[in-house]
C-alpha atoms as a PDB file:
ATOM      1  CA  UNK A   1      12.901  20.993 -32.728  1.00  0.00           C
ATOM      2  CA  UNK A   2      13.067  24.622 -33.461  1.00  0.00           C
ATOM      3  CA  UNK A   3      10.935  26.929 -30.508  1.00  0.00           C
ATOM      4  CA  UNK A   4      11.511  23.840 -28.069  1.00  0.00           C
ATOM      5  CA  UNK A   5      11.682  24.351 -24.837  1.00  0.00           C
ATOM      6  CA  UNK A   6      12.732  22.569 -21.897  1.00  0.00           C
ATOM      7  CA  UNK A   7      11.590  22.573 -17.921  1.00  0.00           C
ATOM      8  CA  UNK A   8      14.652  24.396 -16.446  1.00  0.00           C
ATOM      9  CA  UNK A   9      13.971  27.901 -18.757  1.00  0.00           C
ATOM     10  CA  UNK A  10       9.551  27.787 -19.131  1.00  0.00           C
ATOM     11  CA  UNK A  11       7.639  30.501 -17.701  1.00  0.00           C
ATOM     12  CA  UNK A  12       4.243  31.194 -17.252  1.00  0.00           C
ATOM     13  CA  UNK A  13       3.091  34.918 -17.896  1.00  0.00           C
ATOM     14  CA  UNK A  14       4.293  37.565 -15.277  1.00  0.00           C
ATOM     15  CA  UNK A  15       2.053  38.011 -12.542  1.00  0.00           C
ATOM     16  CA  UNK A  16       0.347  34.963 -13.444  1.00  0.00           C
ATOM     17  CA  UNK A  17       0.123  32.067 -10.901  1.00  0.00           C
ATOM     18  CA  UNK A  18      -0.554  28.803 -12.348  1.00  0.00           C
ATOM     19  CA  UNK A  19      -2.025  25.408 -10.851  1.00  0.00           C
ATOM     20  CA  UNK A  20      -2.858  22.089 -12.282  1.00  0.00           C
ATOM     21  CA  UNK A  21      -4.529  18.950 -10.111  1.00  0.00           C
ATOM     22  CA  UNK A  22      -3.616  15.276 -11.548  1.00  0.00           C
ATOM     23  CA  UNK A  23      -6.906  12.462 -12.164  1.00  0.00           C
ATOM     24  CA  UNK A  24      -9.302  12.580  -9.323  1.00  0.00           C
ATOM     25  CA  UNK A  25     -11.366   9.973 -10.377  1.00  0.00           C
ATOM     26  CA  UNK A  26     -13.944  10.494  -7.754  1.00  0.00           C
ATOM     27  CA  UNK A  27     -12.804  11.610  -4.250  1.00  0.00           C
ATOM     28  CA  UNK A  28     -14.231  14.039  -3.672  1.00  0.00           C
ATOM     29  CA  UNK A  29     -12.424  14.328  -0.578  1.00  0.00           C
ATOM     30  CA  UNK A  30      -9.566  14.548  -1.886  1.00  0.00           C
ATOM     31  CA  UNK A  31     -10.113  17.745  -4.476  1.00  0.00           C
ATOM     32  CA  UNK A  32     -12.465  19.878  -1.574  1.00  0.00           C
ATOM     33  CA  UNK A  33      -8.901  19.143   0.662  1.00  0.00           C
ATOM     34  CA  UNK A  34      -6.432  20.129  -2.242  1.00  0.00           C
ATOM     35  CA  UNK A  35      -8.255  23.400  -3.053  1.00  0.00           C
ATOM     36  CA  UNK A  36      -8.480  24.428   0.274  1.00  0.00           C
ATOM     37  CA  UNK A  37      -4.878  24.133  -0.103  1.00  0.00           C
ATOM     38  CA  UNK A  38      -4.649  26.329  -3.068  1.00  0.00           C
ATOM     39  CA  UNK A  39      -6.078  29.054  -1.876  1.00  0.00           C
ATOM     40  CA  UNK A  40      -4.531  29.165   0.952  1.00  0.00           C
ATOM     41  CA  UNK A  41      -0.973  28.974  -0.825  1.00  0.00           C
ATOM     42  CA  UNK A  42      -2.486  32.012  -3.307  1.00  0.00           C
ATOM     43  CA  UNK A  43      -3.559  33.543  -0.593  1.00  0.00           C
ATOM     44  CA  UNK A  44       0.406  33.774   0.332  1.00  0.00           C
ATOM     45  CA  UNK A  45       1.887  34.790  -2.805  1.00  0.00           C
ATOM     46  CA  UNK A  46       1.602  38.392  -4.184  1.00  0.00           C
ATOM     47  CA  UNK A  47       0.406  36.885  -7.940  1.00  0.00           C
ATOM     48  CA  UNK A  48      -2.066  39.499  -9.842  1.00  0.00           C
ATOM     49  CA  UNK A  49      -3.994  36.334 -11.150  1.00  0.00           C
ATOM     50  CA  UNK A  50      -4.557  32.687 -10.171  1.00  0.00           C
ATOM     51  CA  UNK A  51      -6.108  30.129 -12.637  1.00  0.00           C
ATOM     52  CA  UNK A  52      -6.227  26.566 -12.243  1.00  0.00           C
ATOM     53  CA  UNK A  53      -6.736  23.532 -14.389  1.00  0.00           C
ATOM     54  CA  UNK A  54      -7.954  20.514 -13.698  1.00  0.00           C
ATOM     55  CA  UNK A  55      -6.546  17.315 -16.337  1.00  0.00           C
ATOM     56  CA  UNK A  56      -9.072  15.517 -16.478  1.00  0.00           C
ATOM     57  CA  UNK A  57     -10.647  11.913 -15.117  1.00  0.00           C
ATOM     58  CA  UNK A  58     -12.726  12.888 -12.796  1.00  0.00           C
ATOM     59  CA  UNK A  59     -15.558   9.832 -12.825  1.00  0.00           C
ATOM     60  CA  UNK A  60     -14.818   6.462 -12.118  1.00  0.00           C
ATOM     61  CA  UNK A  61     -12.947   4.150 -10.012  1.00  0.00           C
ATOM     62  CA  UNK A  62     -13.514   6.740  -6.877  1.00  0.00           C
ATOM     63  CA  UNK A  63     -17.208   6.682  -5.156  1.00  0.00           C
ATOM     64  CA  UNK A  64     -18.110  10.430  -5.814  1.00  0.00           C
ATOM     65  CA  UNK A  65     -18.114  10.747  -8.911  1.00  0.00           C
ATOM     66  CA  UNK A  66     -21.282  12.813  -8.928  1.00  0.00           C
ATOM     67  CA  UNK A  67     -20.180  15.044  -6.318  1.00  0.00           C
ATOM     68  CA  UNK A  68     -16.544  16.003  -7.891  1.00  0.00           C
ATOM     69  CA  UNK A  69     -18.385  17.449 -11.540  1.00  0.00           C
ATOM     70  CA  UNK A  70     -20.630  19.279  -9.640  1.00  0.00           C
ATOM     71  CA  UNK A  71     -17.526  21.012  -7.605  1.00  0.00           C
ATOM     72  CA  UNK A  72     -16.385  21.507 -10.709  1.00  0.00           C
ATOM     73  CA  UNK A  73     -19.215  23.409 -12.200  1.00  0.00           C
ATOM     74  CA  UNK A  74     -20.165  25.290  -8.769  1.00  0.00           C
ATOM     75  CA  UNK A  75     -16.876  27.541  -9.572  1.00  0.00           C
ATOM     76  CA  UNK A  76     -14.457  25.454  -7.426  1.00  0.00           C
ATOM     77  CA  UNK A  77     -12.301  28.083  -5.794  1.00  0.00           C
ATOM     78  CA  UNK A  78     -13.380  32.336  -5.916  1.00  0.00           C
ATOM     79  CA  UNK A  79     -11.541  34.248  -7.521  1.00  0.00           C
ATOM     80  CA  UNK A  80      -9.619  31.750  -9.920  1.00  0.00           C
ATOM     81  CA  UNK A  81     -10.232  31.508 -13.356  1.00  0.00           C
ATOM     82  CA  UNK A  82     -10.998  27.633 -13.555  1.00  0.00           C
ATOM     83  CA  UNK A  83     -10.452  25.523 -16.503  1.00  0.00           C
ATOM     84  CA  UNK A  84     -11.413  21.589 -16.739  1.00  0.00           C
ATOM     85  CA  UNK A  85     -10.089  19.734 -19.387  1.00  0.00           C
ATOM     86  CA  UNK A  86     -11.156  15.807 -20.940  1.00  0.00           C
ATOM     87  CA  UNK A  87      -9.736  13.033 -19.608  1.00  0.00           C
ATOM     88  CA  UNK A  88     -10.346   9.811 -21.702  1.00  0.00           C
ATOM     89  CA  UNK A  89     -12.701   8.840 -18.543  1.00  0.00           C
ATOM     90  CA  UNK A  90     -14.670  11.105 -19.698  1.00  0.00           C
ATOM     91  CA  UNK A  91     -14.801  10.533 -22.965  1.00  0.00           C
ATOM     92  CA  UNK A  92     -15.470   6.274 -21.926  1.00  0.00           C
ATOM     93  CA  UNK A  93     -18.986   8.366 -20.438  1.00  0.00           C
ATOM     94  CA  UNK A  94     -19.865  10.041 -23.594  1.00  0.00           C
ATOM     95  CA  UNK A  95     -19.073   7.151 -25.561  1.00  0.00           C
ATOM     96  CA  UNK A  96     -21.390   4.921 -23.641  1.00  0.00           C
ATOM     97  CA  UNK A  97     -24.345   7.739 -23.918  1.00  0.00           C
ATOM     98  CA  UNK A  98     -23.513   7.626 -27.880  1.00  0.00           C
ATOM     99  CA  UNK A  99     -23.404   4.460 -28.912  1.00  0.00           C
ATOM    100  CA  UNK A 100     -24.779   1.848 -25.623  1.00  0.00           C
ATOM    101  CA  UNK A 101     -22.839  -1.046 -27.169  1.00  0.00           C
ATOM    102  CA  UNK A 102     -19.903   0.026 -25.668  1.00  0.00           C
ATOM    103  CA  UNK A 103     -21.056   0.368 -22.571  1.00  0.00           C
ATOM    104  CA  UNK A 104     -19.314  -3.337 -21.357  1.00  0.00           C
ATOM    105  CA  UNK A 105     -15.166  -1.277 -22.282  1.00  0.00           C
ATOM    106  CA  UNK A 106     -16.372   1.448 -20.273  1.00  0.00           C
ATOM    107  CA  UNK A 107     -18.067  -1.107 -17.386  1.00  0.00           C
ATOM    108  CA  UNK A 108     -14.961  -2.495 -17.339  1.00  0.00           C
ATOM    109  CA  UNK A 109     -12.337   0.347 -16.743  1.00  0.00           C
ATOM    110  CA  UNK A 110     -14.168   1.480 -13.490  1.00  0.00           C
ATOM    111  CA  UNK A 111     -17.900   3.179 -14.757  1.00  0.00           C
ATOM    112  CA  UNK A 112     -20.092   0.651 -12.679  1.00  0.00           C
ATOM    113  CA  UNK A 113     -18.755   3.059  -9.572  1.00  0.00           C
ATOM    114  CA  UNK A 114     -20.004   6.149 -11.643  1.00  0.00           C
ATOM    115  CA  UNK A 115     -23.054   4.887 -12.666  1.00  0.00           C
ATOM    116  CA  UNK A 116     -24.186   3.449  -8.959  1.00  0.00           C
ATOM    117  CA  UNK A 117     -23.290   7.049  -7.479  1.00  0.00           C
ATOM    118  CA  UNK A 118     -25.813   8.491  -9.748  1.00  0.00           C
ATOM    119  CA  UNK A 119     -28.361   5.603  -8.159  1.00  0.00           C
ATOM    120  CA  UNK A 120     -27.854   3.293 -11.632  1.00  0.00           C
ATOM    121  CA  UNK A 121     -27.309  -0.596 -10.834  1.00  0.00           C
ATOM    122  CA  UNK A 122     -26.421  -2.572 -13.597  1.00  0.00           C
ATOM    123  CA  UNK A 123     -27.673  -5.273 -11.480  1.00  0.00           C
ATOM    124  CA  UNK A 124     -31.329  -4.202 -11.927  1.00  0.00           C
ATOM    125  CA  UNK A 125     -33.093  -7.256 -13.684  1.00  0.00           C
ATOM    126  CA  UNK A 126     -34.317  -4.704 -16.327  1.00  0.00           C
ATOM    127  CA  UNK A 127     -31.121  -4.576 -17.219  1.00  0.00           C
ATOM    128  CA  UNK A 128     -31.218  -7.848 -18.450  1.00  0.00           C
ATOM    129  CA  UNK A 129     -34.462  -7.332 -20.746  1.00  0.00           C
ATOM    130  CA  UNK A 130     -33.401  -3.874 -21.991  1.00  0.00           C
ATOM    131  CA  UNK A 131     -30.098  -4.824 -22.517  1.00  0.00           C
ATOM    132  CA  UNK A 132     -27.627  -1.955 -22.694  1.00  0.00           C
ATOM    133  CA  UNK A 133     -29.780   0.872 -24.572  1.00  0.00           C
ATOM    134  CA  UNK A 134     -32.183   0.618 -21.454  1.00  0.00           C
ATOM    135  CA  UNK A 135     -28.908   1.100 -18.769  1.00  0.00           C
ATOM    136  CA  UNK A 136     -27.501   4.261 -21.078  1.00  0.00           C
ATOM    137  CA  UNK A 137     -31.271   5.876 -21.321  1.00  0.00           C
ATOM    138  CA  UNK A 138     -31.853   4.873 -17.310  1.00  0.00           C
ATOM    139  CA  UNK A 139     -28.908   7.160 -16.805  1.00  0.00           C
ATOM    140  CA  UNK A 140     -29.569   9.432 -18.719  1.00  0.00           C
ATOM    141  CA  UNK A 141     -32.665  10.361 -16.042  1.00  0.00           C
ATOM    142  CA  UNK A 142     -30.653   9.925 -13.772  1.00  0.00           C
ATOM    143  CA  UNK A 143     -27.689  12.056 -14.583  1.00  0.00           C
ATOM    144  CA  UNK A 144     -28.713  16.375 -14.396  1.00  0.00           C
ATOM    145  CA  UNK A 145     -28.479  18.360 -17.874  1.00  0.00           C
ATOM    146  CA  UNK A 146     -25.717  20.577 -15.928  1.00  0.00           C
ATOM    147  CA  UNK A 147     -23.408  17.297 -15.408  1.00  0.00           C
ATOM    148  CA  UNK A 148     -23.905  16.582 -19.114  1.00  0.00           C
ATOM    149  CA  UNK A 149     -23.394  20.217 -20.565  1.00  0.00           C
ATOM    150  CA  UNK A 150     -20.127  19.896 -18.433  1.00  0.00           C
ATOM    151  CA  UNK A 151     -19.226  16.796 -20.211  1.00  0.00           C
ATOM    152  CA  UNK A 152     -19.841  17.549 -23.496  1.00  0.00           C
ATOM    153  CA  UNK A 153     -17.935  20.898 -23.431  1.00  0.00           C
ATOM    154  CA  UNK A 154     -14.884  20.160 -22.190  1.00  0.00           C
ATOM    155  CA  UNK A 155     -11.969  20.834 -24.157  1.00  0.00           C
ATOM    156  CA  UNK A 156      -8.689  19.117 -24.830  1.00  0.00           C
ATOM    157  CA  UNK A 157      -5.729  21.609 -23.923  1.00  0.00           C
ATOM    158  CA  UNK A 158      -4.699  24.299 -22.097  1.00  0.00           C
ATOM    159  CA  UNK A 159      -1.816  26.436 -22.379  1.00  0.00           C
ATOM    160  CA  UNK A 160      -0.591  28.786 -20.236  1.00  0.00           C
ATOM    161  CA  UNK A 161       3.142  30.665 -21.386  1.00  0.00           C
ATOM    162  CA  UNK A 162       5.492  27.889 -21.974  1.00  0.00           C
ATOM    163  CA  UNK A 163       3.318  24.936 -20.464  1.00  0.00           C
ATOM    164  CA  UNK A 164       0.497  23.171 -22.441  1.00  0.00           C
ATOM    165  CA  UNK A 165      -1.668  21.563 -19.879  1.00  0.00           C
ATOM    166  CA  UNK A 166      -3.452  18.388 -21.491  1.00  0.00           C
ATOM    167  CA  UNK A 167      -4.836  15.351 -20.264  1.00  0.00           C
ATOM    168  CA  UNK A 168      -2.741  11.906 -21.520  1.00  0.00           C
ATOM    169  CA  UNK A 169       0.361  14.136 -23.217  1.00  0.00           C
ATOM    170  CA  UNK A 170       1.283  14.852 -26.827  1.00  0.00           C
ATOM    171  CA  UNK A 171       2.918  13.062 -30.484  1.00  0.00           C
ATOM    172  CA  UNK A 172       6.224  14.224 -30.551  1.00  0.00           C
ATOM    173  CA  UNK A 173       6.662  16.036 -33.823  1.00  0.00           C
ATOM    174  CA  UNK A 174       3.067  16.727 -34.727  1.00  0.00           C
ATOM    175  CA  UNK A 175       2.681  21.115 -33.872  1.00  0.00           C
ATOM    176  CA  UNK A 176       0.342  21.048 -30.919  1.00  0.00           C
ATOM    177  CA  UNK A 177      -2.430  22.951 -32.511  1.00  0.00           C
ATOM    178  CA  UNK A 178      -2.730  19.699 -35.459  1.00  0.00           C
ATOM    179  CA  UNK A 179      -2.298  16.931 -32.004  1.00  0.00           C
ATOM    180  CA  UNK A 180      -5.025  14.315 -31.957  1.00  0.00           C
ATOM    181  CA  UNK A 181      -7.879  13.498 -30.174  1.00  0.00           C
ATOM    182  CA  UNK A 182      -7.282  10.215 -29.611  1.00  0.00           C
ATOM    183  CA  UNK A 183      -3.101  11.392 -28.586  1.00  0.00           C
ATOM    184  CA  UNK A 184      -4.773  13.856 -26.298  1.00  0.00           C
ATOM    185  CA  UNK A 185      -6.202  11.282 -24.035  1.00  0.00           C
ATOM    186  CA  UNK A 186      -4.624   8.174 -24.545  1.00  0.00           C
ATOM    187  CA  UNK A 187      -1.393   8.489 -25.616  1.00  0.00           C
ATOM    188  CA  UNK A 188       1.952   6.843 -23.858  1.00  0.00           C
ATOM    189  CA  UNK A 189       4.585   4.961 -25.588  1.00  0.00           C
ATOM    190  CA  UNK A 190       6.292   7.364 -28.033  1.00  0.00           C
ATOM    191  CA  UNK A 191       5.713   9.829 -25.073  1.00  0.00           C
ATOM    192  CA  UNK A 192       6.204   9.093 -21.327  1.00  0.00           C
ATOM    193  CA  UNK A 193       9.752   7.542 -23.276  1.00  0.00           C
ATOM    194  CA  UNK A 194      10.576  10.835 -25.116  1.00  0.00           C
ATOM    195  CA  UNK A 195      13.768  12.852 -24.030  1.00  0.00           C
ATOM    196  CA  UNK A 196      14.326  15.295 -26.378  1.00  0.00           C
ATOM    197  CA  UNK A 197      12.010  18.503 -25.734  1.00  0.00           C
ATOM    198  CA  UNK A 198       8.798  19.913 -27.340  1.00  0.00           C
ATOM    199  CA  UNK A 199       7.248  22.798 -28.649  1.00  0.00           C
ATOM    200  CA  UNK A 200       5.683  23.755 -25.040  1.00  0.00           C
ATOM    201  CA  UNK A 201       6.153  21.595 -21.281  1.00  0.00           C
ATOM    202  CA  UNK A 202       3.503  19.140 -21.129  1.00  0.00           C
ATOM    203  CA  UNK A 203       1.777  18.747 -17.920  1.00  0.00           C
ATOM    204  CA  UNK A 204      -0.185  15.600 -18.157  1.00  0.00           C
ATOM    205  CA  UNK A 205      -1.843  13.246 -15.748  1.00  0.00           C
ATOM    206  CA  UNK A 206      -3.294   9.554 -17.384  1.00  0.00           C
ATOM    207  CA  UNK A 207      -0.469   7.437 -16.065  1.00  0.00           C
ATOM    208  CA  UNK A 208      -0.635   7.371 -12.377  1.00  0.00           C
ATOM    209  CA  UNK A 209       3.095   7.473 -10.954  1.00  0.00           C
ATOM    210  CA  UNK A 210       3.874   6.678  -7.676  1.00  0.00           C
ATOM    211  CA  UNK A 211       5.843   9.972  -7.092  1.00  0.00           C
ATOM    212  CA  UNK A 212       6.071  13.419  -9.320  1.00  0.00           C
ATOM    213  CA  UNK A 213       7.381  12.807 -12.620  1.00  0.00           C
ATOM    214  CA  UNK A 214       9.379  15.830 -13.240  1.00  0.00           C
ATOM    215  CA  UNK A 215      11.576  15.551 -17.070  1.00  0.00           C
ATOM    216  CA  UNK A 216      12.722  18.528 -19.232  1.00  0.00           C
ATOM    217  CA  UNK A 217      10.073  18.029 -21.162  1.00  0.00           C
ATOM    218  CA  UNK A 218       7.032  17.045 -18.824  1.00  0.00           C
ATOM    219  CA  UNK A 219       5.756  16.933 -15.497  1.00  0.00           C
ATOM    220  CA  UNK A 220       3.472  14.266 -14.277  1.00  0.00           C
ATOM    221  CA  UNK A 221       0.933  14.491 -11.612  1.00  0.00           C
ATOM    222  CA  UNK A 222      -1.048  11.728 -11.746  1.00  0.00           C
ATOM    223  CA  UNK A 223      -0.153   9.979  -8.780  1.00  0.00           C
ATOM    224  CA  UNK A 224      -2.993   7.659  -8.272  1.00  0.00           C
ATOM    225  CA  UNK A 225      -5.414   9.471  -6.099  1.00  0.00           C
ATOM    226  CA  UNK A 226      -7.792   6.625  -5.868  1.00  0.00           C
ATOM    227  CA  UNK A 227      -5.900   4.314  -4.705  1.00  0.00           C
ATOM    228  CA  UNK A 228      -2.829   6.334  -2.636  1.00  0.00           C
ATOM    229  CA  UNK A 229      -5.009   9.047  -1.399  1.00  0.00           C
ATOM    230  CA  UNK A 230      -2.840  11.579  -3.053  1.00  0.00           C
ATOM    231  CA  UNK A 231      -3.693  13.540  -5.104  1.00  0.00           C
ATOM    232  CA  UNK A 232      -1.258  15.905  -6.491  1.00  0.00           C
ATOM    233  CA  UNK A 233      -0.745  19.757  -8.085  1.00  0.00           C
ATOM    234  CA  UNK A 234       1.542  21.326  -9.624  1.00  0.00           C
ATOM    235  CA  UNK A 235       2.512  25.180  -8.664  1.00  0.00           C
ATOM    236  CA  UNK A 236       3.928  26.984 -11.702  1.00  0.00           C
ATOM    237  CA  UNK A 237       4.891  30.786 -11.234  1.00  0.00           C
ATOM    238  CA  UNK A 238       7.752  32.570 -13.721  1.00  0.00           C
ATOM    239  CA  UNK A 239      10.200  30.194 -13.791  1.00  0.00           C
ATOM    240  CA  UNK A 240       9.883  27.817 -11.210  1.00  0.00           C
ATOM    241  CA  UNK A 241       7.660  24.995  -9.865  1.00  0.00           C
ATOM    242  CA  UNK A 242       6.550  23.048  -6.783  1.00  0.00           C
ATOM    243  CA  UNK A 243       3.882  20.347  -5.655  1.00  0.00           C
ATOM    244  CA  UNK A 244       0.586  20.756  -3.195  1.00  0.00           C
ATOM    245  CA  UNK A 245      -0.566  17.201  -2.329  1.00  0.00           C
ATOM    246  CA  UNK A 246      -3.205  16.497  -0.399  1.00  0.00           C
END
């Protein structure tokens, strides 16, 4: 591919130290611990500037989605440039708000824990008479406007030098600027098994692995934190990479 780059040659901008954090899924305890370790690492470095990119899936499954969103809003790491990307679970939540008839899909994928975290019980007797629209309206009453504003403002991609940061991956053969929302949030087949270099080295989460995956064209850092207690961060500086975990 013309202009393709491999992980061995990829660089971030000079003087820039970039941290990317995998899927959090309500584990605010791990997020706070990892953020502290990121800050300590940055303070030991000679970087001119530092950035942290959160790769999405802040909500569902784990029990503290509300606290995770609040952490992202409240300047999670002082003096860092912070970017929070959209994950497919944030998309689930927003789809439920816009189309409550799709609520069963979200709940099946862990949305019940998020609702409960905001004080909304799916087993509330009113749910059985008011249905999904009642549940949506009740959730909106409990969801702070600042959380909704954050969720609706999440971008799908962030680029630093030779790296593209997305939630799930990209569709090979399609320019980054033309990638579909669905692929950026959901792709597995056709991306994870793609062996050729891409326009950028892709740093992503979405598909959990027990171990960090470092390939020539991608770095996967979803280590199933909500189950494994291991939240992973990749550290990029010049043309080198390292990892920090909880």
